[in-house]
């Protein structure tokens, strides 16, 4: 089986590498010549266009920033739809709006091309070690065919429904992650202002009900002032935009998601969009008139 991969950025590149390690034959097309050269040396076949990539592969994976980019790569003239064979499958692992996934799936279905929306959670570290969480939507048979491929890149893979369900689940995930990081930030600011050692607080609460993967992933980064991006504020803000756009379409109020989106917007406006979302801490520090050394 030949797999095509489009979107070889901070998440896509290590995911592609894990597929290659598992023995899959990869065909790639990146706008970054350095990436093409690096993965080409590791055995990937580099092609010049999306149509050529689609024509040469059985399954195509996309990992792109947002809905417009996925629609462009998949559906526009010269895109994957022009080269993909009937019976092939496109797995979109981007985090996009569920409605966009459904629109893409319908367009591909008319051409006899299968589609699975399969966004991931876990950030760059889990993409590197092949343990991202995949939440998928699509027809059961198509999902079953793709499952061995997805499991090569993931620690867990769960089908949550038909096309669009994967990205609906990802929206829920992004609300919970953002609010967890905001809560951790508030707690750290509070305890530091009370003169309690932050690391001791972290060790004390991580085994209780307040413990979470978000706490274990982000609290150490906050204590080390390490805001190198594993998942950026810009990307999380994009996801929360999709959350609130979707909630508006279906008439569901999400006041907590709206609040944390404003926090991320403030950080982005302050030039921190390319930092890890652990930098949410700095927003609460500023509110409390704190510095990093307080």
Protein backbone atom coordinates (compact mmCIF):
# COMPACT_ATOMS: atom_id res chain seq x y z
CA UNK A 1 0.00 0.00 0.00
CA UNK A 2 1.28 3.44 -0.94
CA UNK A 3 0.35 6.36 1.30
CA UNK A 4 0.41 9.99 0.23
CA UNK A 5 1.05 12.68 2.84
CA UNK A 6 0.33 16.39 2.47
CA UNK A 7 1.07 18.84 5.29
CA UNK A 8 4.50 18.05 6.70
CA UNK A 9 4.68 20.65 9.43
CA UNK A 10 5.21 20.44 13.17
CA UNK A 11 2.74 17.53 13.49
CA UNK A 12 2.63 16.02 10.01
CA UNK A 13 6.33 15.48 9.55
CA UNK A 14 6.88 13.21 12.60
CA UNK A 15 3.63 11.37 11.84
CA UNK A 16 4.89 10.73 8.31
CA UNK A 17 8.20 9.52 9.72
CA UNK A 18 6.39 7.04 11.97
CA UNK A 19 4.57 5.61 8.96
CA UNK A 20 7.89 5.17 7.18
CA UNK A 21 9.40 3.46 10.23
CA UNK A 22 6.47 1.02 10.16
CA UNK A 23 7.36 0.07 6.59
CA UNK A 24 4.76 2.00 4.61
CA UNK A 25 5.81 3.43 1.26
CA UNK A 26 5.28 7.21 1.36
CA UNK A 27 4.69 9.69 -1.44
CA UNK A 28 4.98 13.32 -0.36
CA UNK A 29 4.60 16.83 -1.75
CA UNK A 30 5.74 19.62 0.54
CA UNK A 31 6.10 23.33 -0.13
CA UNK A 32 9.27 23.17 1.97
CA UNK A 33 12.18 21.91 -0.18
CA UNK A 34 14.22 21.03 2.93
CA UNK A 35 11.46 18.71 4.10
CA UNK A 36 11.24 17.08 0.69
CA UNK A 37 14.99 16.56 0.67
CA UNK A 38 15.13 15.18 4.20
CA UNK A 39 12.27 12.71 3.81
CA UNK A 40 13.41 11.85 0.29
CA UNK A 41 16.74 10.72 1.72
CA UNK A 42 14.82 8.52 4.17
CA UNK A 43 12.99 6.77 1.35
CA UNK A 44 9.90 8.84 0.58
CA UNK A 45 9.01 9.53 -3.04
CA UNK A 46 8.77 13.26 -3.72
CA UNK A 47 6.33 14.50 -6.39
CA UNK A 48 5.59 17.96 -7.75
CA UNK A 49 1.79 18.14 -7.52
CA UNK A 50 -1.18 16.97 -5.48
CA UNK A 51 -2.76 15.28 -8.50
CA UNK A 52 0.42 13.29 -9.11
CA UNK A 53 0.54 12.33 -5.44
CA UNK A 54 -3.09 11.20 -5.47
CA UNK A 55 -2.70 9.19 -8.66
CA UNK A 56 0.25 7.28 -7.19
CA UNK A 57 -1.32 6.32 -3.86
CA UNK A 58 -4.09 4.24 -2.31
CA UNK A 59 -4.57 6.30 0.85
CA UNK A 60 -3.83 10.02 1.24
CA UNK A 61 -3.34 11.76 4.59
CA UNK A 62 -3.68 15.52 4.96
CA UNK A 63 -2.48 17.48 7.99
CA UNK A 64 -3.20 21.14 7.29
CA UNK A 65 -3.92 24.31 9.31
CA UNK A 66 -7.66 24.84 8.83
CA UNK A 67 -10.78 24.32 6.70
CA UNK A 68 -9.82 26.64 3.79
CA UNK A 69 -6.45 24.94 3.31
CA UNK A 70 -8.00 21.46 3.36
CA UNK A 71 -10.66 22.46 0.85
CA UNK A 72 -8.02 23.99 -1.42
CA UNK A 73 -5.70 20.97 -1.35
CA UNK A 74 -8.49 18.40 -1.68
CA UNK A 75 -11.18 19.97 -3.84
CA UNK A 76 -9.84 22.81 -5.98
CA UNK A 77 -8.54 22.39 -9.51
CA UNK A 78 -5.21 20.60 -9.40
CA UNK A 79 -6.07 19.18 -6.00
CA UNK A 80 -6.20 15.63 -4.73
CA UNK A 81 -9.70 15.05 -6.11
CA UNK A 82 -8.38 15.44 -9.67
CA UNK A 83 -5.87 12.63 -9.27
CA UNK A 84 -7.40 10.23 -6.76
CA UNK A 85 -8.80 6.95 -8.06
CA UNK A 86 -12.26 5.65 -7.29
CA UNK A 87 -11.90 3.38 -4.27
CA UNK A 88 -9.03 5.33 -2.75
CA UNK A 89 -9.39 7.04 0.64
CA UNK A 90 -8.45 10.46 1.98
CA UNK A 91 -7.84 10.74 5.72
CA UNK A 92 -7.90 14.34 6.87
CA UNK A 93 -6.08 14.60 10.19
CA UNK A 94 -6.37 18.39 10.30
CA UNK A 95 -8.47 20.10 12.96
CA UNK A 96 -11.21 21.85 10.99
CA UNK A 97 -14.89 22.71 11.25
CA UNK A 98 -17.16 19.63 11.24
CA UNK A 99 -19.38 21.17 8.57
CA UNK A 100 -16.33 21.56 6.31
CA UNK A 101 -15.51 17.88 6.81
CA UNK A 102 -19.03 16.93 5.77
CA UNK A 103 -18.83 19.13 2.65
CA UNK A 104 -15.51 17.57 1.65
CA UNK A 105 -16.83 14.07 2.29
CA UNK A 106 -19.87 14.67 0.07
CA UNK A 107 -17.75 16.00 -2.80
CA UNK A 108 -15.40 13.02 -2.60
CA UNK A 109 -18.27 10.53 -2.39
CA UNK A 110 -19.50 11.70 -5.80
CA UNK A 111 -16.13 10.61 -7.21
CA UNK A 112 -16.16 7.26 -5.41
CA UNK A 113 -13.42 8.38 -2.99
CA UNK A 114 -13.69 7.46 0.68
CA UNK A 115 -13.16 10.01 3.42
CA UNK A 116 -12.37 9.93 7.14
CA UNK A 117 -11.96 13.02 9.31
CA UNK A 118 -9.44 12.07 11.97
CA UNK A 119 -8.04 15.03 13.93
CA UNK A 120 -5.52 14.37 16.66
CA UNK A 121 -4.63 15.56 20.15
CA UNK A 122 -1.30 15.44 21.91
CA UNK A 123 0.89 18.05 20.25
CA UNK A 124 4.35 17.63 18.78
CA UNK A 125 5.79 15.37 21.54
CA UNK A 126 3.12 12.72 21.01
CA UNK A 127 3.32 13.10 17.23
CA UNK A 128 7.03 12.31 17.50
CA UNK A 129 6.62 9.22 19.68
CA UNK A 130 3.53 7.99 17.82
CA UNK A 131 1.05 8.26 20.69
CA UNK A 132 -1.38 10.98 19.59
CA UNK A 133 -5.06 10.44 20.31
CA UNK A 134 -7.10 10.13 17.12
CA UNK A 135 -10.82 10.90 17.08
CA UNK A 136 -12.35 9.76 13.81
CA UNK A 137 -15.53 10.16 11.80
CA UNK A 138 -16.56 8.19 8.75
CA UNK A 139 -18.30 5.09 7.47
CA UNK A 140 -17.49 2.06 9.61
CA UNK A 141 -16.04 0.02 6.75
CA UNK A 142 -13.80 2.86 5.58
CA UNK A 143 -12.63 3.49 9.13
CA UNK A 144 -11.87 -0.20 9.62
CA UNK A 145 -9.73 -0.22 6.47
CA UNK A 146 -7.78 2.81 7.70
CA UNK A 147 -7.40 1.69 11.31
CA UNK A 148 -4.02 -0.09 10.95
CA UNK A 149 -2.56 3.05 9.36
CA UNK A 150 -3.94 5.31 12.08
CA UNK A 151 -2.71 3.00 14.84
CA UNK A 152 0.84 3.34 13.50
CA UNK A 153 0.77 7.03 14.45
CA UNK A 154 -1.39 6.88 17.57
CA UNK A 155 -1.73 5.69 21.12
CA UNK A 156 -5.52 5.55 20.77
CA UNK A 157 -7.93 5.64 17.85
CA UNK A 158 -11.68 5.96 18.42
CA UNK A 159 -14.42 6.30 15.82
CA UNK A 160 -17.07 8.61 17.27
CA UNK A 161 -19.56 8.57 14.39
CA UNK A 162 -20.04 9.46 10.73
CA UNK A 163 -18.09 12.09 8.77
CA UNK A 164 -17.74 15.24 10.86
CA UNK A 165 -17.91 13.40 14.17
CA UNK A 166 -14.13 13.34 14.45
CA UNK A 167 -13.87 17.10 14.28
CA UNK A 168 -16.90 17.54 16.53
CA UNK A 169 -15.03 15.47 19.12
CA UNK A 170 -11.89 17.53 18.56
CA UNK A 171 -13.83 20.73 19.29
CA UNK A 172 -14.88 19.25 22.63
CA UNK A 173 -11.27 18.24 23.28
CA UNK A 174 -9.98 21.75 22.57
CA UNK A 175 -12.49 23.35 24.93
CA UNK A 176 -11.38 21.04 27.75
CA UNK A 177 -7.66 21.50 27.06
CA UNK A 178 -7.88 25.30 26.90
CA UNK A 179 -9.91 25.54 30.08
CA UNK A 180 -7.57 23.12 31.87
CA UNK A 181 -4.54 25.23 30.98
CA UNK A 182 -6.34 28.40 32.05
CA UNK A 183 -7.30 26.77 35.37
CA UNK A 184 -3.72 25.59 35.95
CA UNK A 185 -2.49 29.11 35.23
CA UNK A 186 -4.91 30.70 37.71
CA UNK A 187 -3.98 28.15 40.37
CA UNK A 188 -0.26 28.80 39.89
CA UNK A 189 -0.72 32.56 40.14
CA UNK A 190 -2.77 32.13 43.31
CA UNK A 191 -0.34 29.81 45.09
CA UNK A 192 2.71 31.87 44.13
CA UNK A 193 1.04 34.98 45.54
CA UNK A 194 0.34 33.05 48.74
CA UNK A 195 4.02 32.16 49.06
CA UNK A 196 3.54 28.41 48.50
CA UNK A 197 6.09 26.48 46.43
CA UNK A 198 4.53 25.83 43.01
CA UNK A 199 6.34 22.55 42.41
CA UNK A 200 5.16 21.19 45.76
CA UNK A 201 1.59 22.18 44.90
CA UNK A 202 1.88 20.39 41.58
CA UNK A 203 3.19 17.19 43.18
CA UNK A 204 0.48 17.33 45.83
CA UNK A 205 -2.49 17.68 43.51
CA UNK A 206 -1.47 15.65 40.46
CA UNK A 207 -2.52 12.37 42.09
CA UNK A 208 -5.96 13.65 43.07
CA UNK A 209 -9.07 14.67 41.21
CA UNK A 210 -7.34 17.77 39.80
CA UNK A 211 -4.71 15.61 38.13
CA UNK A 212 -4.84 15.43 34.34
CA UNK A 213 -2.72 14.93 31.25
CA UNK A 214 -2.93 18.67 30.71
CA UNK A 215 -1.55 19.30 34.20
CA UNK A 216 1.33 16.87 33.70
CA UNK A 217 2.16 18.25 30.25
CA UNK A 218 1.85 21.97 30.93
CA UNK A 219 2.65 22.61 34.62
CA UNK A 220 6.34 21.62 34.22
CA UNK A 221 6.60 23.88 31.17
CA UNK A 222 5.09 26.76 33.12
CA UNK A 223 7.45 26.26 36.07
CA UNK A 224 10.44 26.12 33.69
CA UNK A 225 9.17 29.15 31.70
CA UNK A 226 9.45 26.92 28.65
CA UNK A 227 7.00 28.18 26.06
CA UNK A 228 8.64 26.60 23.01
CA UNK A 229 5.71 25.48 20.88
CA UNK A 230 4.39 21.97 21.01
CA UNK A 231 0.98 23.44 20.13
CA UNK A 232 0.79 27.15 19.54
CA UNK A 233 -1.58 29.81 20.81
CA UNK A 234 -2.36 30.65 17.16
CA UNK A 235 -3.50 27.10 16.46
CA UNK A 236 -5.54 26.80 19.63
CA UNK A 237 -7.21 30.12 18.87
CA UNK A 238 -8.08 28.78 15.42
CA UNK A 239 -9.69 25.74 17.03
CA UNK A 240 -11.71 27.86 19.45
CA UNK A 241 -12.87 30.00 16.55
CA UNK A 242 -14.21 26.80 14.97
CA UNK A 243 -15.78 25.86 18.31
CA UNK A 244 -17.70 29.12 18.61
CA UNK A 245 -18.59 29.30 14.94
CA UNK A 246 -20.08 25.81 15.17
CA UNK A 247 -21.85 26.53 18.45
CA UNK A 248 -23.34 29.66 16.87
CA UNK A 249 -24.58 27.67 13.88
CA UNK A 250 -26.45 25.23 16.12
CA UNK A 251 -27.49 27.74 18.81
CA UNK A 252 -25.50 26.36 21.76
CA UNK A 253 -24.02 28.97 24.16
CA UNK A 254 -20.47 28.25 25.37
CA UNK A 255 -19.54 31.03 27.80
CA UNK A 256 -16.37 29.39 29.16
CA UNK A 257 -15.02 28.68 25.68
CA UNK A 258 -15.78 32.27 24.67
CA UNK A 259 -13.90 33.57 27.71
CA UNK A 260 -10.74 31.56 27.13
CA UNK A 261 -10.84 32.48 23.43
CA UNK A 262 -10.61 36.14 24.46
CA UNK A 263 -7.58 35.26 26.58
CA UNK A 264 -5.88 33.67 23.59
CA UNK A 265 -6.80 36.65 21.40
CA UNK A 266 -5.16 38.99 23.91
CA UNK A 267 -1.99 36.89 23.90
CA UNK A 268 -1.95 36.78 20.11
CA UNK A 269 -2.41 40.56 19.94
CA UNK A 270 0.55 40.88 22.32
CA UNK A 271 2.80 38.99 19.92
CA UNK A 272 2.69 35.61 21.64
CA UNK A 273 0.79 33.67 19.00
CA UNK A 274 3.77 31.49 18.11
CA UNK A 275 4.38 30.40 21.72
CA UNK A 276 3.06 27.21 23.28
CA UNK A 277 -0.42 27.51 24.77
CA UNK A 278 1.21 27.01 28.18
CA UNK A 279 1.95 30.74 27.83
CA UNK A 280 -1.67 31.32 28.86
CA UNK A 281 0.02 31.58 32.28
CA UNK A 282 1.50 34.95 31.30
CA UNK A 283 -1.98 36.42 30.78
CA UNK A 284 -2.93 35.70 34.39
CA UNK A 285 0.45 36.87 35.65
CA UNK A 286 -0.11 40.19 33.93
CA UNK A 287 -3.56 40.53 35.51
CA UNK A 288 -1.97 39.98 38.91
CA UNK A 289 0.91 42.40 38.18
CA UNK A 290 3.39 39.55 38.55
CA UNK A 291 6.74 38.96 36.92
CA UNK A 292 8.39 35.63 36.13
CA UNK A 293 10.49 35.93 39.31
CA UNK A 294 7.62 36.59 41.70
